[in-house]
C-alpha cells in the first residue's frame, strides 16, 4: 500500500489529479525518505489505519530513517512491535514479491 508521495525539493503547489486525498505528501532535499518523514508517516498513516487491536507488528527493512528514537518511542506508546529484517534480504524474506501462493 502506497500512502506517501515523496518529492525532491518541495511538494507541488496544487494536488495531482487522481491521487487520493488520504495520501501523505512530503518532500526532502534529496528526494529520499528520512527519519522526520518516516515518523510523520508512522503517526499519520500507519497508526491511523492499523486498527485498534494490539499488539501490531510493523515489518521494516532496517533503513536508517526507520530506527529513530521518536519512532521507537511512538511504537512503544502505541503497542506496535517494530521488526527489522536483515539488510539486503527482503527479496529472500518476502515470497509474495516473487510469486503468489494460493492454497485451495
N, C-alpha and C. Protein backbone atom coordinates (compact mmCIF):
# COMPACT_ATOMS: atom_id res chain seq x y z
N UNK A 1 0.85 -1.17 0.00
CA UNK A 1 0.00 0.00 0.00
C UNK A 1 0.90 1.24 0.00
N UNK A 2 0.68 2.12 -0.95
CA UNK A 2 1.44 3.37 -1.01
C UNK A 2 0.57 4.48 -0.45
N UNK A 3 1.04 5.10 0.58
CA UNK A 3 0.28 6.18 1.21
C UNK A 3 1.07 7.47 1.28
N UNK A 4 2.19 7.54 0.61
CA UNK A 4 3.01 8.75 0.66
C UNK A 4 3.59 9.03 -0.72
N UNK A 5 3.57 10.28 -1.07
CA UNK A 5 4.25 10.76 -2.27
C UNK A 5 5.40 11.63 -1.79
N UNK A 6 6.59 11.29 -2.21
CA UNK A 6 7.78 12.00 -1.76
C UNK A 6 8.43 12.71 -2.94
N UNK A 7 8.66 13.99 -2.77
CA UNK A 7 9.22 14.82 -3.83
C UNK A 7 10.57 15.36 -3.43
N UNK A 8 11.40 15.63 -4.43
CA UNK A 8 12.69 16.25 -4.19
C UNK A 8 12.51 17.76 -4.15
N UNK A 9 13.04 18.39 -3.12
CA UNK A 9 12.98 19.85 -3.02
C UNK A 9 11.75 20.36 -2.33
N UNK A 10 10.62 20.29 -3.00
CA UNK A 10 9.36 20.78 -2.40
C UNK A 10 8.19 20.04 -3.01
N UNK A 11 7.08 20.06 -2.29
CA UNK A 11 5.87 19.42 -2.80
C UNK A 11 5.20 20.33 -3.82
N UNK A 12 4.44 19.75 -4.75
CA UNK A 12 3.73 20.59 -5.73
C UNK A 12 2.78 21.56 -5.03
N UNK A 13 2.57 22.69 -5.65
CA UNK A 13 1.71 23.71 -5.04
C UNK A 13 0.23 23.39 -5.18
N UNK A 14 -0.11 22.42 -6.03
CA UNK A 14 -1.51 22.04 -6.18
C UNK A 14 -1.62 20.52 -6.25
N UNK A 15 -2.76 19.95 -5.89
CA UNK A 15 -2.93 18.49 -5.90
C UNK A 15 -2.75 17.90 -7.29
N UNK A 16 -2.29 16.67 -7.33
CA UNK A 16 -2.15 15.95 -8.59
C UNK A 16 -3.43 15.14 -8.80
N UNK A 17 -4.01 15.26 -9.96
CA UNK A 17 -5.27 14.59 -10.28
C UNK A 17 -5.13 13.07 -10.12
N UNK A 18 -6.12 12.47 -9.48
CA UNK A 18 -6.15 11.02 -9.32
C UNK A 18 -5.49 10.50 -8.06
N UNK A 19 -4.81 11.34 -7.32
CA UNK A 19 -4.16 10.90 -6.08
C UNK A 19 -5.17 11.03 -4.94
N UNK A 20 -5.39 9.94 -4.19
CA UNK A 20 -6.36 10.00 -3.08
C UNK A 20 -6.01 11.09 -2.07
N UNK A 21 -7.03 11.73 -1.55
CA UNK A 21 -6.82 12.81 -0.59
C UNK A 21 -6.26 12.30 0.74
N UNK A 22 -6.32 11.00 0.98
CA UNK A 22 -5.81 10.43 2.23
C UNK A 22 -4.30 10.18 2.18
N UNK A 23 -3.68 10.31 1.03
CA UNK A 23 -2.23 10.09 0.92
C UNK A 23 -1.47 11.25 1.52
N UNK A 24 -0.32 10.96 2.08
CA UNK A 24 0.54 11.97 2.66
C UNK A 24 1.50 12.50 1.58
N UNK A 25 1.69 13.80 1.58
CA UNK A 25 2.62 14.45 0.67
C UNK A 25 3.78 14.96 1.49
N UNK A 26 4.99 14.77 1.01
CA UNK A 26 6.15 15.28 1.72
C UNK A 26 7.29 15.50 0.73
N UNK A 27 8.32 16.16 1.21
CA UNK A 27 9.50 16.39 0.37
C UNK A 27 10.73 16.40 1.25
N UNK A 28 11.85 16.16 0.60
CA UNK A 28 13.14 16.28 1.27
C UNK A 28 14.11 16.85 0.26
N UNK A 29 15.20 17.36 0.75
CA UNK A 29 16.20 17.96 -0.13
C UNK A 29 16.73 16.95 -1.15
N UNK A 30 16.91 15.71 -0.70
CA UNK A 30 17.47 14.68 -1.57
C UNK A 30 16.42 13.96 -2.41
N UNK A 31 15.16 14.03 -1.97
CA UNK A 31 14.11 13.27 -2.64
C UNK A 31 13.93 11.89 -2.05
N UNK A 32 14.70 11.57 -1.00
CA UNK A 32 14.61 10.29 -0.32
C UNK A 32 13.99 10.49 1.06
N UNK A 33 13.48 9.40 1.61
CA UNK A 33 12.89 9.45 2.94
C UNK A 33 13.96 9.74 3.99
N UNK A 34 13.51 10.26 5.12
CA UNK A 34 14.40 10.49 6.25
C UNK A 34 13.62 10.21 7.53
N UNK A 35 14.28 10.32 8.66
CA UNK A 35 13.64 10.00 9.93
C UNK A 35 12.40 10.83 10.22
N UNK A 36 12.43 12.12 9.89
CA UNK A 36 11.29 13.00 10.13
C UNK A 36 10.09 12.59 9.28
N UNK A 37 10.33 12.28 8.02
CA UNK A 37 9.25 11.88 7.11
C UNK A 37 8.66 10.53 7.55
N UNK A 38 9.54 9.58 7.91
CA UNK A 38 9.03 8.27 8.35
C UNK A 38 8.22 8.41 9.64
N UNK A 39 8.68 9.22 10.56
CA UNK A 39 7.94 9.44 11.82
C UNK A 39 6.56 10.03 11.53
N UNK A 40 6.50 10.99 10.64
CA UNK A 40 5.23 11.60 10.27
C UNK A 40 4.32 10.55 9.63
N UNK A 41 4.87 9.71 8.73
CA UNK A 41 4.09 8.63 8.11
C UNK A 41 3.58 7.66 9.17
N UNK A 42 4.45 7.30 10.10
CA UNK A 42 4.09 6.36 11.16
C UNK A 42 2.89 6.87 11.96
N UNK A 43 2.91 8.15 12.33
CA UNK A 43 1.82 8.73 13.12
C UNK A 43 0.55 8.94 12.30
N UNK A 44 0.67 9.57 11.14
CA UNK A 44 -0.50 10.00 10.37
C UNK A 44 -1.11 8.89 9.50
N UNK A 45 -0.30 7.99 9.01
CA UNK A 45 -0.81 6.98 8.10
C UNK A 45 -0.89 5.61 8.77
N UNK A 46 0.23 5.11 9.25
CA UNK A 46 0.24 3.75 9.81
C UNK A 46 -0.68 3.62 11.01
N UNK A 47 -0.48 4.44 12.03
CA UNK A 47 -1.31 4.32 13.24
C UNK A 47 -2.78 4.58 12.95
N UNK A 48 -3.04 5.50 12.04
CA UNK A 48 -4.44 5.82 11.72
C UNK A 48 -5.16 4.69 11.01
N UNK A 49 -4.42 3.78 10.36
CA UNK A 49 -5.06 2.75 9.55
C UNK A 49 -4.79 1.32 10.00
N UNK A 50 -4.10 1.12 11.11
CA UNK A 50 -3.77 -0.26 11.51
C UNK A 50 -4.81 -0.87 12.45
N UNK A 51 -5.87 -0.17 12.75
CA UNK A 51 -6.91 -0.72 13.61
C UNK A 51 -6.58 -0.52 15.08
N UNK A 52 -7.46 -1.05 15.93
CA UNK A 52 -7.30 -0.83 17.37
C UNK A 52 -6.74 -2.04 18.11
N UNK A 53 -6.72 -3.22 17.48
CA UNK A 53 -6.18 -4.41 18.14
C UNK A 53 -4.68 -4.26 18.36
N UNK A 54 -4.21 -4.61 19.53
CA UNK A 54 -2.80 -4.52 19.85
C UNK A 54 -2.35 -5.81 20.49
N UNK A 55 -1.10 -6.21 20.36
CA UNK A 55 -0.04 -5.50 19.66
C UNK A 55 -0.16 -5.65 18.14
N UNK A 56 0.50 -4.76 17.43
CA UNK A 56 0.58 -4.78 15.97
C UNK A 56 2.06 -4.89 15.63
N UNK A 57 2.38 -5.68 14.61
CA UNK A 57 3.76 -5.82 14.17
C UNK A 57 3.95 -5.04 12.88
N UNK A 58 4.98 -4.22 12.84
CA UNK A 58 5.35 -3.48 11.64
C UNK A 58 6.70 -3.99 11.17
N UNK A 59 6.72 -4.61 9.99
CA UNK A 59 7.96 -5.12 9.41
C UNK A 59 8.70 -3.99 8.73
N UNK A 60 9.97 -3.86 9.04
CA UNK A 60 10.80 -2.79 8.47
C UNK A 60 12.01 -3.38 7.76
N UNK A 61 12.57 -2.63 6.83
CA UNK A 61 13.76 -3.10 6.12
C UNK A 61 15.06 -2.59 6.75
N UNK A 62 14.98 -2.05 7.95
CA UNK A 62 16.14 -1.56 8.71
C UNK A 62 16.84 -0.37 8.07
N UNK A 63 16.15 0.39 7.26
CA UNK A 63 16.72 1.63 6.74
C UNK A 63 16.94 2.57 7.92
N UNK A 64 18.00 3.36 7.86
CA UNK A 64 18.32 4.26 8.97
C UNK A 64 17.16 5.17 9.36
N UNK A 65 16.35 5.58 8.41
CA UNK A 65 15.25 6.50 8.70
C UNK A 65 14.14 5.84 9.51
N UNK A 66 14.12 4.51 9.58
CA UNK A 66 13.07 3.82 10.33
C UNK A 66 13.41 3.64 11.80
N UNK A 67 14.67 3.76 12.15
CA UNK A 67 15.09 3.47 13.52
C UNK A 67 15.58 4.75 14.18
N UNK A 68 14.61 5.57 14.58
CA UNK A 68 14.93 6.79 15.32
C UNK A 68 14.30 6.69 16.70
N UNK A 69 14.81 7.47 17.63
CA UNK A 69 14.28 7.44 18.99
C UNK A 69 12.79 7.80 19.01
N UNK A 70 12.38 8.75 18.15
CA UNK A 70 10.98 9.18 18.12
C UNK A 70 10.07 8.06 17.63
N UNK A 71 10.50 7.34 16.61
CA UNK A 71 9.69 6.24 16.08
C UNK A 71 9.60 5.11 17.09
N UNK A 72 10.72 4.76 17.70
CA UNK A 72 10.72 3.68 18.69
C UNK A 72 9.81 4.05 19.87
N UNK A 73 9.89 5.27 20.35
CA UNK A 73 9.04 5.69 21.47
C UNK A 73 7.57 5.69 21.09
N UNK A 74 7.24 6.18 19.90
CA UNK A 74 5.85 6.19 19.43
C UNK A 74 5.33 4.76 19.28
N UNK A 75 6.17 3.85 18.82
CA UNK A 75 5.77 2.45 18.70
C UNK A 75 5.48 1.85 20.08
N UNK A 76 6.36 2.09 21.03
CA UNK A 76 6.14 1.60 22.40
C UNK A 76 4.86 2.17 22.99
N UNK A 77 4.64 3.46 22.79
CA UNK A 77 3.46 4.12 23.34
C UNK A 77 2.15 3.63 22.72
N UNK A 78 2.24 3.06 21.50
CA UNK A 78 1.02 2.67 20.77
C UNK A 78 0.90 1.16 20.56
N UNK A 79 1.68 0.37 21.27
CA UNK A 79 1.57 -1.08 21.18
C UNK A 79 1.98 -1.65 19.84
N UNK A 80 2.97 -1.04 19.21
CA UNK A 80 3.46 -1.51 17.92
C UNK A 80 4.84 -2.14 18.12
N UNK A 81 4.98 -3.36 17.63
CA UNK A 81 6.26 -4.07 17.69
C UNK A 81 6.96 -3.82 16.36
N UNK A 82 8.15 -3.23 16.42
CA UNK A 82 8.94 -2.98 15.22
C UNK A 82 9.86 -4.18 14.99
N UNK A 83 9.74 -4.80 13.82
CA UNK A 83 10.55 -5.96 13.50
C UNK A 83 11.36 -5.65 12.25
N UNK A 84 12.67 -5.54 12.41
CA UNK A 84 13.54 -5.20 11.29
C UNK A 84 14.08 -6.44 10.61
N UNK A 85 13.95 -6.48 9.30
CA UNK A 85 14.51 -7.58 8.52
C UNK A 85 16.00 -7.32 8.31
N UNK A 86 16.81 -8.36 8.22
CA UNK A 86 18.25 -8.17 7.97
C UNK A 86 18.48 -7.43 6.65
N UNK A 87 19.51 -6.62 6.61
CA UNK A 87 19.83 -5.84 5.41
C UNK A 87 20.03 -6.73 4.20
N UNK A 88 19.56 -6.24 3.06
CA UNK A 88 19.75 -6.89 1.76
C UNK A 88 19.16 -8.30 1.69
N UNK A 89 18.09 -8.56 2.46
CA UNK A 89 17.45 -9.88 2.41
C UNK A 89 15.97 -9.82 2.10
N UNK A 90 15.44 -8.64 1.84
CA UNK A 90 13.99 -8.54 1.65
C UNK A 90 13.52 -9.38 0.47
N UNK A 91 14.32 -9.53 -0.57
CA UNK A 91 13.91 -10.35 -1.71
C UNK A 91 13.82 -11.83 -1.34
N UNK A 92 14.57 -12.25 -0.34
CA UNK A 92 14.52 -13.64 0.11
C UNK A 92 13.40 -13.87 1.12
N UNK A 93 13.09 -12.85 1.91
CA UNK A 93 12.13 -12.99 3.00
C UNK A 93 10.72 -12.54 2.64
N UNK A 94 10.51 -12.07 1.44
CA UNK A 94 9.19 -11.61 1.01
C UNK A 94 8.75 -12.42 -0.20
N UNK A 95 8.25 -13.64 0.01
CA UNK A 95 7.91 -14.51 -1.12
C UNK A 95 6.83 -13.94 -2.03
N UNK A 96 5.98 -13.07 -1.55
CA UNK A 96 4.94 -12.51 -2.42
C UNK A 96 5.53 -11.54 -3.44
N UNK A 97 6.77 -11.10 -3.23
CA UNK A 97 7.43 -10.29 -4.25
C UNK A 97 7.84 -11.15 -5.44
N UNK A 98 7.96 -12.46 -5.22
CA UNK A 98 8.41 -13.37 -6.27
C UNK A 98 7.24 -14.12 -6.90
N UNK A 99 6.35 -14.63 -6.06
CA UNK A 99 5.19 -15.38 -6.56
C UNK A 99 4.07 -15.31 -5.53
N UNK A 100 2.88 -15.60 -5.95
CA UNK A 100 1.72 -15.63 -5.07
C UNK A 100 1.41 -17.09 -4.77
N UNK A 101 1.30 -17.41 -3.50
CA UNK A 101 0.96 -18.78 -3.07
C UNK A 101 -0.50 -18.82 -2.67
N UNK A 102 -1.28 -19.62 -3.38
CA UNK A 102 -2.70 -19.74 -3.06
C UNK A 102 -3.00 -21.17 -2.70
N UNK A 103 -3.56 -21.36 -1.52
CA UNK A 103 -3.95 -22.70 -1.08
C UNK A 103 -5.44 -22.85 -1.31
N UNK A 104 -5.80 -23.82 -2.12
CA UNK A 104 -7.21 -24.05 -2.45
C UNK A 104 -7.79 -25.15 -1.62
